[in-house]
ModelCIF file with pLDDT and N, C-alpha, C, O atoms, coordinates in Angstrom:
data_MODEL
#
_entry.id   MODEL 
#
_entity.id                         1 
_entity.type                       polymer 
_entity.pdbx_number_of_molecules   1 
#
_entity_poly.entity_id                      1 
_entity_poly.type                           'polypeptide(L)' 
_entity_poly.nstd_linkage                   no 
_entity_poly.nstd_monomer                   no 
_entity_poly.pdbx_seq_one_letter_code       LKREENENAAWMLKLIIENEKIARKEKRPLCDDTGIPHVIIEIG 
_entity_poly.pdbx_seq_one_letter_code_can   LKREENENAAWMLKLIIENEKIARKEKRPLCDDTGIPHVIIEIG 
_entity_poly.pdbx_strand_id                 A 
#
loop_
_entity_poly_seq.entity_id 
_entity_poly_seq.num 
_entity_poly_seq.mon_id 
_entity_poly_seq.hetero 
1 1  LEU n 
1 2  LYS n 
1 3  ARG n 
1 4  GLU n 
1 5  GLU n 
1 6  ASN n 
1 7  GLU n 
1 8  ASN n 
1 9  ALA n 
1 10 ALA n 
1 11 TRP n 
1 12 MET n 
1 13 LEU n 
1 14 LYS n 
1 15 LEU n 
1 16 ILE n 
1 17 ILE n 
1 18 GLU n 
1 19 ASN n 
1 20 GLU n 
1 21 LYS n 
1 22 ILE n 
1 23 ALA n 
1 24 ARG n 
1 25 LYS n 
1 26 GLU n 
1 27 LYS n 
1 28 ARG n 
1 29 PRO n 
1 30 LEU n 
1 31 CYS n 
1 32 ASP n 
1 33 ASP n 
1 34 THR n 
1 35 GLY n 
1 36 ILE n 
1 37 PRO n 
1 38 HIS n 
1 39 VAL n 
1 40 ILE n 
1 41 ILE n 
1 42 GLU n 
1 43 ILE n 
1 44 GLY n 
#
_struct_asym.id          A 
_struct_asym.entity_id   1 
#
loop_
_ma_qa_metric.id 
_ma_qa_metric.mode 
_ma_qa_metric.name 
_ma_qa_metric.software_group_id 
_ma_qa_metric.type 
1 global pLDDT . pLDDT 
2 local  pLDDT . pLDDT 
#
_ma_qa_metric_global.metric_id      1 
_ma_qa_metric_global.metric_value   97.36 
_ma_qa_metric_global.model_id       1 
_ma_qa_metric_global.ordinal_id     1 
#
loop_
_ma_qa_metric_local.label_asym_id 
_ma_qa_metric_local.label_comp_id 
_ma_qa_metric_local.label_seq_id 
_ma_qa_metric_local.metric_id 
_ma_qa_metric_local.metric_value 
_ma_qa_metric_local.model_id 
_ma_qa_metric_local.ordinal_id 
A LEU 1  2 98.00 1 1  
A LYS 2  2 97.00 1 2  
A ARG 3  2 96.00 1 3  
A GLU 4  2 97.00 1 4  
A GLU 5  2 94.00 1 5  
A ASN 6  2 97.00 1 6  
A GLU 7  2 97.00 1 7  
A ASN 8  2 97.00 1 8  
A ALA 9  2 97.00 1 9  
A ALA 10 2 98.00 1 10 
A TRP 11 2 98.00 1 11 
A MET 12 2 97.00 1 12 
A LEU 13 2 98.00 1 13 
A LYS 14 2 98.00 1 14 
A LEU 15 2 98.00 1 15 
A ILE 16 2 98.00 1 16 
A ILE 17 2 98.00 1 17 
A GLU 18 2 98.00 1 18 
A ASN 19 2 97.00 1 19 
A GLU 20 2 98.00 1 20 
A LYS 21 2 98.00 1 21 
A ILE 22 2 98.00 1 22 
A ALA 23 2 98.00 1 23 
A ARG 24 2 98.00 1 24 
A LYS 25 2 97.00 1 25 
A GLU 26 2 97.00 1 26 
A LYS 27 2 97.00 1 27 
A ARG 28 2 97.00 1 28 
A PRO 29 2 98.00 1 29 
A LEU 30 2 98.00 1 30 
A CYS 31 2 97.00 1 31 
A ASP 32 2 96.00 1 32 
A ASP 33 2 97.00 1 33 
A THR 34 2 98.00 1 34 
A GLY 35 2 97.00 1 35 
A ILE 36 2 98.00 1 36 
A PRO 37 2 98.00 1 37 
A HIS 38 2 98.00 1 38 
A VAL 39 2 98.00 1 39 
A ILE 40 2 98.00 1 40 
A ILE 41 2 98.00 1 41 
A GLU 42 2 97.00 1 42 
A ILE 43 2 97.00 1 43 
A GLY 44 2 95.00 1 44 
#
loop_
_atom_site.group_PDB 
_atom_site.id 
_atom_site.type_symbol 
_atom_site.label_atom_id 
_atom_site.label_alt_id 
_atom_site.label_comp_id 
_atom_site.label_asym_id 
_atom_site.label_entity_id 
_atom_site.label_seq_id 
_atom_site.pdbx_PDB_ins_code 
_atom_site.Cartn_x 
_atom_site.Cartn_y 
_atom_site.Cartn_z 
_atom_site.occupancy 
_atom_site.B_iso_or_equiv 
_atom_site.pdbx_formal_charge 
_atom_site.auth_seq_id 
_atom_site.auth_comp_id 
_atom_site.auth_asym_id 
_atom_site.auth_atom_id 
_atom_site.pdbx_PDB_model_num 
ATOM 1   N N  . LEU A 1 1  ? 153.835 -153.392 67.489 1.00 98.00 ? 1  LEU A N  1 
ATOM 2   C CA . LEU A 1 1  ? 153.213 -153.870 68.500 1.00 98.00 ? 1  LEU A CA 1 
ATOM 3   C C  . LEU A 1 1  ? 151.425 -153.392 68.592 1.00 98.00 ? 1  LEU A C  1 
ATOM 4   O O  . LEU A 1 1  ? 150.515 -154.158 68.910 1.00 98.00 ? 1  LEU A O  1 
ATOM 5   N N  . LYS A 1 2  ? 151.290 -151.994 68.233 1.00 97.00 ? 2  LYS A N  1 
ATOM 6   C CA . LYS A 1 2  ? 149.734 -151.577 67.948 1.00 97.00 ? 2  LYS A CA 1 
ATOM 7   C C  . LYS A 1 2  ? 148.977 -152.564 67.195 1.00 97.00 ? 2  LYS A C  1 
ATOM 8   O O  . LYS A 1 2  ? 148.051 -153.237 67.649 1.00 97.00 ? 2  LYS A O  1 
ATOM 9   N N  . ARG A 1 3  ? 149.496 -152.605 65.861 1.00 96.00 ? 3  ARG A N  1 
ATOM 10  C CA . ARG A 1 3  ? 149.030 -153.015 64.777 1.00 96.00 ? 3  ARG A CA 1 
ATOM 11  C C  . ARG A 1 3  ? 149.008 -154.685 64.853 1.00 96.00 ? 3  ARG A C  1 
ATOM 12  O O  . ARG A 1 3  ? 148.271 -155.364 64.137 1.00 96.00 ? 3  ARG A O  1 
ATOM 13  N N  . GLU A 1 4  ? 150.031 -155.290 65.938 1.00 97.00 ? 4  GLU A N  1 
ATOM 14  C CA . GLU A 1 4  ? 149.846 -156.788 65.613 1.00 97.00 ? 4  GLU A CA 1 
ATOM 15  C C  . GLU A 1 4  ? 148.626 -157.520 66.221 1.00 97.00 ? 4  GLU A C  1 
ATOM 16  O O  . GLU A 1 4  ? 148.446 -157.397 67.433 1.00 97.00 ? 4  GLU A O  1 
ATOM 17  N N  . GLU A 1 5  ? 147.651 -158.377 65.383 1.00 94.00 ? 5  GLU A N  1 
ATOM 18  C CA . GLU A 1 5  ? 146.857 -158.552 66.219 1.00 94.00 ? 5  GLU A CA 1 
ATOM 19  C C  . GLU A 1 5  ? 147.011 -160.469 66.371 1.00 94.00 ? 5  GLU A C  1 
ATOM 20  O O  . GLU A 1 5  ? 146.103 -161.188 66.787 1.00 94.00 ? 5  GLU A O  1 
ATOM 21  N N  . ASN A 1 6  ? 148.267 -160.914 65.953 1.00 97.00 ? 6  ASN A N  1 
ATOM 22  C CA . ASN A 1 6  ? 148.329 -162.047 66.664 1.00 97.00 ? 6  ASN A CA 1 
ATOM 23  C C  . ASN A 1 6  ? 149.159 -162.286 68.139 1.00 97.00 ? 6  ASN A C  1 
ATOM 24  O O  . ASN A 1 6  ? 150.179 -161.661 68.431 1.00 97.00 ? 6  ASN A O  1 
ATOM 25  N N  . GLU A 1 7  ? 148.541 -163.274 68.975 1.00 97.00 ? 7  GLU A N  1 
ATOM 26  C CA . GLU A 1 7  ? 149.148 -163.058 70.355 1.00 97.00 ? 7  GLU A CA 1 
ATOM 27  C C  . GLU A 1 7  ? 150.164 -163.536 70.575 1.00 97.00 ? 7  GLU A C  1 
ATOM 28  O O  . GLU A 1 7  ? 150.723 -163.362 71.658 1.00 97.00 ? 7  GLU A O  1 
ATOM 29  N N  . ASN A 1 8  ? 150.594 -164.151 69.764 1.00 97.00 ? 8  ASN A N  1 
ATOM 30  C CA . ASN A 1 8  ? 152.003 -164.910 70.181 1.00 97.00 ? 8  ASN A CA 1 
ATOM 31  C C  . ASN A 1 8  ? 152.883 -164.009 69.715 1.00 97.00 ? 8  ASN A C  1 
ATOM 32  O O  . ASN A 1 8  ? 153.838 -163.654 70.406 1.00 97.00 ? 8  ASN A O  1 
ATOM 33  N N  . ALA A 1 9  ? 152.593 -163.391 68.113 1.00 97.00 ? 9  ALA A N  1 
ATOM 34  C CA . ALA A 1 9  ? 153.515 -162.230 67.873 1.00 97.00 ? 9  ALA A CA 1 
ATOM 35  C C  . ALA A 1 9  ? 153.985 -161.037 68.503 1.00 97.00 ? 9  ALA A C  1 
ATOM 36  O O  . ALA A 1 9  ? 155.112 -160.548 68.428 1.00 97.00 ? 9  ALA A O  1 
ATOM 37  N N  . ALA A 1 10 ? 152.600 -160.466 69.378 1.00 98.00 ? 10 ALA A N  1 
ATOM 38  C CA . ALA A 1 10 ? 152.468 -159.284 69.823 1.00 98.00 ? 10 ALA A CA 1 
ATOM 39  C C  . ALA A 1 10 ? 153.437 -159.723 71.265 1.00 98.00 ? 10 ALA A C  1 
ATOM 40  O O  . ALA A 1 10 ? 153.906 -158.748 71.853 1.00 98.00 ? 10 ALA A O  1 
ATOM 41  N N  . TRP A 1 11 ? 153.728 -160.967 71.801 1.00 98.00 ? 11 TRP A N  1 
ATOM 42  C CA . TRP A 1 11 ? 153.792 -161.465 72.959 1.00 98.00 ? 11 TRP A CA 1 
ATOM 43  C C  . TRP A 1 11 ? 155.489 -161.230 72.591 1.00 98.00 ? 11 TRP A C  1 
ATOM 44  O O  . TRP A 1 11 ? 156.245 -160.496 73.228 1.00 98.00 ? 11 TRP A O  1 
ATOM 45  N N  . MET A 1 12 ? 155.648 -161.597 72.062 1.00 97.00 ? 12 MET A N  1 
ATOM 46  C CA . MET A 1 12 ? 157.447 -161.529 71.202 1.00 97.00 ? 12 MET A CA 1 
ATOM 47  C C  . MET A 1 12 ? 157.803 -160.556 71.125 1.00 97.00 ? 12 MET A C  1 
ATOM 48  O O  . MET A 1 12 ? 158.816 -160.285 71.771 1.00 97.00 ? 12 MET A O  1 
ATOM 49  N N  . LEU A 1 13 ? 157.115 -159.424 70.231 1.00 98.00 ? 13 LEU A N  1 
ATOM 50  C CA . LEU A 1 13 ? 157.013 -157.745 70.410 1.00 98.00 ? 13 LEU A CA 1 
ATOM 51  C C  . LEU A 1 13 ? 157.317 -156.977 71.457 1.00 98.00 ? 13 LEU A C  1 
ATOM 52  O O  . LEU A 1 13 ? 158.065 -156.000 71.489 1.00 98.00 ? 13 LEU A O  1 
ATOM 53  N N  . LYS A 1 14 ? 156.506 -157.623 72.574 1.00 98.00 ? 14 LYS A N  1 
ATOM 54  C CA . LYS A 1 14 ? 156.851 -157.105 73.905 1.00 98.00 ? 14 LYS A CA 1 
ATOM 55  C C  . LYS A 1 14 ? 158.093 -157.366 74.433 1.00 98.00 ? 14 LYS A C  1 
ATOM 56  O O  . LYS A 1 14 ? 158.714 -156.488 75.032 1.00 98.00 ? 14 LYS A O  1 
ATOM 57  N N  . LEU A 1 15 ? 158.575 -158.615 74.259 1.00 98.00 ? 15 LEU A N  1 
ATOM 58  C CA . LEU A 1 15 ? 159.855 -159.116 74.800 1.00 98.00 ? 15 LEU A CA 1 
ATOM 59  C C  . LEU A 1 15 ? 160.884 -158.024 74.320 1.00 98.00 ? 15 LEU A C  1 
ATOM 60  O O  . LEU A 1 15 ? 161.382 -157.154 75.035 1.00 98.00 ? 15 LEU A O  1 
ATOM 61  N N  . ILE A 1 16 ? 161.137 -158.252 72.824 1.00 98.00 ? 16 ILE A N  1 
ATOM 62  C CA . ILE A 1 16 ? 161.854 -157.422 71.998 1.00 98.00 ? 16 ILE A CA 1 
ATOM 63  C C  . ILE A 1 16 ? 162.481 -155.649 72.803 1.00 98.00 ? 16 ILE A C  1 
ATOM 64  O O  . ILE A 1 16 ? 163.464 -154.973 73.102 1.00 98.00 ? 16 ILE A O  1 
ATOM 65  N N  . ILE A 1 17 ? 161.032 -155.719 72.788 1.00 98.00 ? 17 ILE A N  1 
ATOM 66  C CA . ILE A 1 17 ? 160.739 -154.167 73.099 1.00 98.00 ? 17 ILE A CA 1 
ATOM 67  C C  . ILE A 1 17 ? 161.429 -153.455 74.501 1.00 98.00 ? 17 ILE A C  1 
ATOM 68  O O  . ILE A 1 17 ? 162.035 -152.390 74.620 1.00 98.00 ? 17 ILE A O  1 
ATOM 69  N N  . GLU A 1 18 ? 161.022 -154.658 75.653 1.00 98.00 ? 18 GLU A N  1 
ATOM 70  C CA . GLU A 1 18 ? 161.590 -155.124 76.912 1.00 98.00 ? 18 GLU A CA 1 
ATOM 71  C C  . GLU A 1 18 ? 163.250 -155.614 76.867 1.00 98.00 ? 18 GLU A C  1 
ATOM 72  O O  . GLU A 1 18 ? 164.099 -155.387 77.728 1.00 98.00 ? 18 GLU A O  1 
ATOM 73  N N  . ASN A 1 19 ? 163.361 -156.114 76.001 1.00 97.00 ? 19 ASN A N  1 
ATOM 74  C CA . ASN A 1 19 ? 165.044 -156.046 75.984 1.00 97.00 ? 19 ASN A CA 1 
ATOM 75  C C  . ASN A 1 19 ? 165.665 -155.219 75.462 1.00 97.00 ? 19 ASN A C  1 
ATOM 76  O O  . ASN A 1 19 ? 166.818 -155.357 75.872 1.00 97.00 ? 19 ASN A O  1 
ATOM 77  N N  . GLU A 1 20 ? 165.589 -154.049 74.478 1.00 98.00 ? 20 GLU A N  1 
ATOM 78  C CA . GLU A 1 20 ? 165.920 -152.829 74.644 1.00 98.00 ? 20 GLU A CA 1 
ATOM 79  C C  . GLU A 1 20 ? 166.201 -152.153 75.494 1.00 98.00 ? 20 GLU A C  1 
ATOM 80  O O  . GLU A 1 20 ? 167.262 -151.532 75.566 1.00 98.00 ? 20 GLU A O  1 
ATOM 81  N N  . LYS A 1 21 ? 164.815 -152.134 76.751 1.00 98.00 ? 21 LYS A N  1 
ATOM 82  C CA . LYS A 1 21 ? 164.974 -151.204 77.619 1.00 98.00 ? 21 LYS A CA 1 
ATOM 83  C C  . LYS A 1 21 ? 165.919 -151.475 78.560 1.00 98.00 ? 21 LYS A C  1 
ATOM 84  O O  . LYS A 1 21 ? 166.382 -150.600 79.292 1.00 98.00 ? 21 LYS A O  1 
ATOM 85  N N  . ILE A 1 22 ? 166.317 -152.886 78.608 1.00 98.00 ? 22 ILE A N  1 
ATOM 86  C CA . ILE A 1 22 ? 166.920 -153.348 79.816 1.00 98.00 ? 22 ILE A CA 1 
ATOM 87  C C  . ILE A 1 22 ? 168.627 -152.966 79.139 1.00 98.00 ? 22 ILE A C  1 
ATOM 88  O O  . ILE A 1 22 ? 169.470 -152.417 79.848 1.00 98.00 ? 22 ILE A O  1 
ATOM 89  N N  . ALA A 1 23 ? 168.819 -153.248 78.122 1.00 98.00 ? 23 ALA A N  1 
ATOM 90  C CA . ALA A 1 23 ? 170.083 -153.482 77.513 1.00 98.00 ? 23 ALA A CA 1 
ATOM 91  C C  . ALA A 1 23 ? 170.522 -152.074 77.253 1.00 98.00 ? 23 ALA A C  1 
ATOM 92  O O  . ALA A 1 23 ? 171.726 -151.819 77.234 1.00 98.00 ? 23 ALA A O  1 
ATOM 93  N N  . ARG A 1 24 ? 169.573 -151.093 77.041 1.00 98.00 ? 24 ARG A N  1 
ATOM 94  C CA . ARG A 1 24 ? 169.984 -149.539 77.086 1.00 98.00 ? 24 ARG A CA 1 
ATOM 95  C C  . ARG A 1 24 ? 170.204 -149.100 78.415 1.00 98.00 ? 24 ARG A C  1 
ATOM 96  O O  . ARG A 1 24 ? 171.127 -148.307 78.599 1.00 98.00 ? 24 ARG A O  1 
ATOM 97  N N  . LYS A 1 25 ? 169.416 -149.534 79.514 1.00 97.00 ? 25 LYS A N  1 
ATOM 98  C CA . LYS A 1 25 ? 169.581 -149.071 80.468 1.00 97.00 ? 25 LYS A CA 1 
ATOM 99  C C  . LYS A 1 25 ? 171.056 -149.267 81.514 1.00 97.00 ? 25 LYS A C  1 
ATOM 100 O O  . LYS A 1 25 ? 171.640 -148.527 82.305 1.00 97.00 ? 25 LYS A O  1 
ATOM 101 N N  . GLU A 1 26 ? 171.289 -150.866 80.956 1.00 97.00 ? 26 GLU A N  1 
ATOM 102 C CA . GLU A 1 26 ? 172.395 -151.159 82.038 1.00 97.00 ? 26 GLU A CA 1 
ATOM 103 C C  . GLU A 1 26 ? 173.904 -151.279 80.700 1.00 97.00 ? 26 GLU A C  1 
ATOM 104 O O  . GLU A 1 26 ? 175.010 -151.814 80.783 1.00 97.00 ? 26 GLU A O  1 
ATOM 105 N N  . LYS A 1 27 ? 173.404 -150.710 79.884 1.00 97.00 ? 27 LYS A N  1 
ATOM 106 C CA . LYS A 1 27 ? 174.511 -150.670 78.688 1.00 97.00 ? 27 LYS A CA 1 
ATOM 107 C C  . LYS A 1 27 ? 175.211 -152.514 78.377 1.00 97.00 ? 27 LYS A C  1 
ATOM 108 O O  . LYS A 1 27 ? 176.385 -152.880 78.316 1.00 97.00 ? 27 LYS A O  1 
ATOM 109 N N  . ARG A 1 28 ? 174.187 -153.159 78.268 1.00 97.00 ? 28 ARG A N  1 
ATOM 110 C CA . ARG A 1 28 ? 174.299 -154.238 77.526 1.00 97.00 ? 28 ARG A CA 1 
ATOM 111 C C  . ARG A 1 28 ? 174.264 -155.189 76.475 1.00 97.00 ? 28 ARG A C  1 
ATOM 112 O O  . ARG A 1 28 ? 173.237 -155.843 76.653 1.00 97.00 ? 28 ARG A O  1 
ATOM 113 N N  . PRO A 1 29 ? 174.884 -155.616 75.434 1.00 98.00 ? 29 PRO A N  1 
ATOM 114 C CA . PRO A 1 29 ? 174.784 -156.016 74.211 1.00 98.00 ? 29 PRO A CA 1 
ATOM 115 C C  . PRO A 1 29 ? 173.623 -156.351 73.752 1.00 98.00 ? 29 PRO A C  1 
ATOM 116 O O  . PRO A 1 29 ? 173.224 -157.190 74.560 1.00 98.00 ? 29 PRO A O  1 
ATOM 117 N N  . LEU A 1 30 ? 172.333 -156.128 72.449 1.00 98.00 ? 30 LEU A N  1 
ATOM 118 C CA . LEU A 1 30 ? 171.507 -155.952 72.343 1.00 98.00 ? 30 LEU A CA 1 
ATOM 119 C C  . LEU A 1 30 ? 171.219 -157.731 71.729 1.00 98.00 ? 30 LEU A C  1 
ATOM 120 O O  . LEU A 1 30 ? 170.144 -158.083 71.242 1.00 98.00 ? 30 LEU A O  1 
ATOM 121 N N  . CYS A 1 31 ? 172.324 -158.578 71.882 1.00 97.00 ? 31 CYS A N  1 
ATOM 122 C CA . CYS A 1 31 ? 172.630 -159.280 71.119 1.00 97.00 ? 31 CYS A CA 1 
ATOM 123 C C  . CYS A 1 31 ? 173.753 -160.355 71.727 1.00 97.00 ? 31 CYS A C  1 
ATOM 124 O O  . CYS A 1 31 ? 174.570 -159.755 72.426 1.00 97.00 ? 31 CYS A O  1 
ATOM 125 N N  . ASP A 1 32 ? 173.941 -161.427 71.663 1.00 96.00 ? 32 ASP A N  1 
ATOM 126 C CA . ASP A 1 32 ? 175.098 -162.370 72.111 1.00 96.00 ? 32 ASP A CA 1 
ATOM 127 C C  . ASP A 1 32 ? 176.066 -162.178 70.897 1.00 96.00 ? 32 ASP A C  1 
ATOM 128 O O  . ASP A 1 32 ? 177.276 -162.072 71.099 1.00 96.00 ? 32 ASP A O  1 
ATOM 129 N N  . ASP A 1 33 ? 175.523 -162.130 69.602 1.00 97.00 ? 33 ASP A N  1 
ATOM 130 C CA . ASP A 1 33 ? 176.778 -161.845 68.800 1.00 97.00 ? 33 ASP A CA 1 
ATOM 131 C C  . ASP A 1 33 ? 176.669 -160.256 68.700 1.00 97.00 ? 33 ASP A C  1 
ATOM 132 O O  . ASP A 1 33 ? 175.902 -159.422 68.218 1.00 97.00 ? 33 ASP A O  1 
ATOM 133 N N  . THR A 1 34 ? 177.668 -160.292 69.307 1.00 98.00 ? 34 THR A N  1 
ATOM 134 C CA . THR A 1 34 ? 177.849 -158.449 69.174 1.00 98.00 ? 34 THR A CA 1 
ATOM 135 C C  . THR A 1 34 ? 178.146 -157.763 67.920 1.00 98.00 ? 34 THR A C  1 
ATOM 136 O O  . THR A 1 34 ? 177.853 -156.568 67.865 1.00 98.00 ? 34 THR A O  1 
ATOM 137 N N  . GLY A 1 35 ? 178.724 -158.368 66.822 1.00 97.00 ? 35 GLY A N  1 
ATOM 138 C CA . GLY A 1 35 ? 178.935 -158.131 65.680 1.00 97.00 ? 35 GLY A CA 1 
ATOM 139 C C  . GLY A 1 35 ? 180.310 -157.752 65.339 1.00 97.00 ? 35 GLY A C  1 
ATOM 140 O O  . GLY A 1 35 ? 181.255 -157.845 66.123 1.00 97.00 ? 35 GLY A O  1 
ATOM 141 N N  . ILE A 1 36 ? 180.393 -157.242 63.915 1.00 98.00 ? 36 ILE A N  1 
ATOM 142 C CA . ILE A 1 36 ? 182.119 -156.794 63.329 1.00 98.00 ? 36 ILE A CA 1 
ATOM 143 C C  . ILE A 1 36 ? 181.558 -155.418 63.398 1.00 98.00 ? 36 ILE A C  1 
ATOM 144 O O  . ILE A 1 36 ? 180.376 -155.106 63.253 1.00 98.00 ? 36 ILE A O  1 
ATOM 145 N N  . PRO A 1 37 ? 182.931 -154.359 63.723 1.00 98.00 ? 37 PRO A N  1 
ATOM 146 C CA . PRO A 1 37 ? 182.249 -152.989 63.415 1.00 98.00 ? 37 PRO A CA 1 
ATOM 147 C C  . PRO A 1 37 ? 182.690 -152.781 62.030 1.00 98.00 ? 37 PRO A C  1 
ATOM 148 O O  . PRO A 1 37 ? 183.595 -153.323 61.396 1.00 98.00 ? 37 PRO A O  1 
ATOM 149 N N  . HIS A 1 38 ? 181.648 -151.659 61.631 1.00 98.00 ? 38 HIS A N  1 
ATOM 150 C CA . HIS A 1 38 ? 181.856 -151.179 60.340 1.00 98.00 ? 38 HIS A CA 1 
ATOM 151 C C  . HIS A 1 38 ? 182.119 -149.810 60.744 1.00 98.00 ? 38 HIS A C  1 
ATOM 152 O O  . HIS A 1 38 ? 181.703 -149.439 61.841 1.00 98.00 ? 38 HIS A O  1 
ATOM 153 N N  . VAL A 1 39 ? 183.023 -148.687 59.681 1.00 98.00 ? 39 VAL A N  1 
ATOM 154 C CA . VAL A 1 39 ? 182.888 -147.672 59.937 1.00 98.00 ? 39 VAL A CA 1 
ATOM 155 C C  . VAL A 1 39 ? 182.386 -146.507 58.379 1.00 98.00 ? 39 VAL A C  1 
ATOM 156 O O  . VAL A 1 39 ? 182.712 -146.996 57.297 1.00 98.00 ? 39 VAL A O  1 
ATOM 157 N N  . ILE A 1 40 ? 181.809 -145.387 58.324 1.00 98.00 ? 40 ILE A N  1 
ATOM 158 C CA . ILE A 1 40 ? 181.623 -144.998 57.223 1.00 98.00 ? 40 ILE A CA 1 
ATOM 159 C C  . ILE A 1 40 ? 181.786 -143.287 57.723 1.00 98.00 ? 40 ILE A C  1 
ATOM 160 O O  . ILE A 1 40 ? 181.114 -142.769 58.615 1.00 98.00 ? 40 ILE A O  1 
ATOM 161 N N  . ILE A 1 41 ? 182.636 -142.736 57.068 1.00 98.00 ? 41 ILE A N  1 
ATOM 162 C CA . ILE A 1 41 ? 183.221 -141.491 57.245 1.00 98.00 ? 41 ILE A CA 1 
ATOM 163 C C  . ILE A 1 41 ? 182.724 -140.389 56.280 1.00 98.00 ? 41 ILE A C  1 
ATOM 164 O O  . ILE A 1 41 ? 183.325 -140.301 55.209 1.00 98.00 ? 41 ILE A O  1 
ATOM 165 N N  . GLU A 1 42 ? 181.471 -139.344 56.579 1.00 97.00 ? 42 GLU A N  1 
ATOM 166 C CA . GLU A 1 42 ? 181.219 -138.172 55.432 1.00 97.00 ? 42 GLU A CA 1 
ATOM 167 C C  . GLU A 1 42 ? 181.812 -137.147 55.834 1.00 97.00 ? 42 GLU A C  1 
ATOM 168 O O  . GLU A 1 42 ? 181.600 -136.657 56.943 1.00 97.00 ? 42 GLU A O  1 
ATOM 169 N N  . ILE A 1 43 ? 182.809 -136.584 54.813 1.00 97.00 ? 43 ILE A N  1 
ATOM 170 C CA . ILE A 1 43 ? 183.504 -135.638 55.302 1.00 97.00 ? 43 ILE A CA 1 
ATOM 171 C C  . ILE A 1 43 ? 182.894 -134.343 54.410 1.00 97.00 ? 43 ILE A C  1 
ATOM 172 O O  . ILE A 1 43 ? 182.618 -134.510 53.222 1.00 97.00 ? 43 ILE A O  1 
ATOM 173 N N  . GLY A 1 44 ? 182.710 -133.084 55.050 1.00 95.00 ? 44 GLY A N  1 
ATOM 174 C CA . GLY A 1 44 ? 182.107 -132.079 54.837 1.00 95.00 ? 44 GLY A CA 1 
ATOM 175 C C  . GLY A 1 44 ? 183.257 -131.352 53.330 1.00 95.00 ? 44 GLY A C  1 
ATOM 176 O O  . GLY A 1 44 ? 182.972 -130.280 52.798 1.00 95.00 ? 44 GLY A O  1 
#
């Protein structure tokens, strides 16, 4: 956001950042496509 000079793109970056703040606070999915869970296990 600090380096973006395009006004429209900067506006969109602000919305993406705000979307994440709301999702994190209210524990709502970041996107309507909630995705397929994948698991990686690393064992010492």
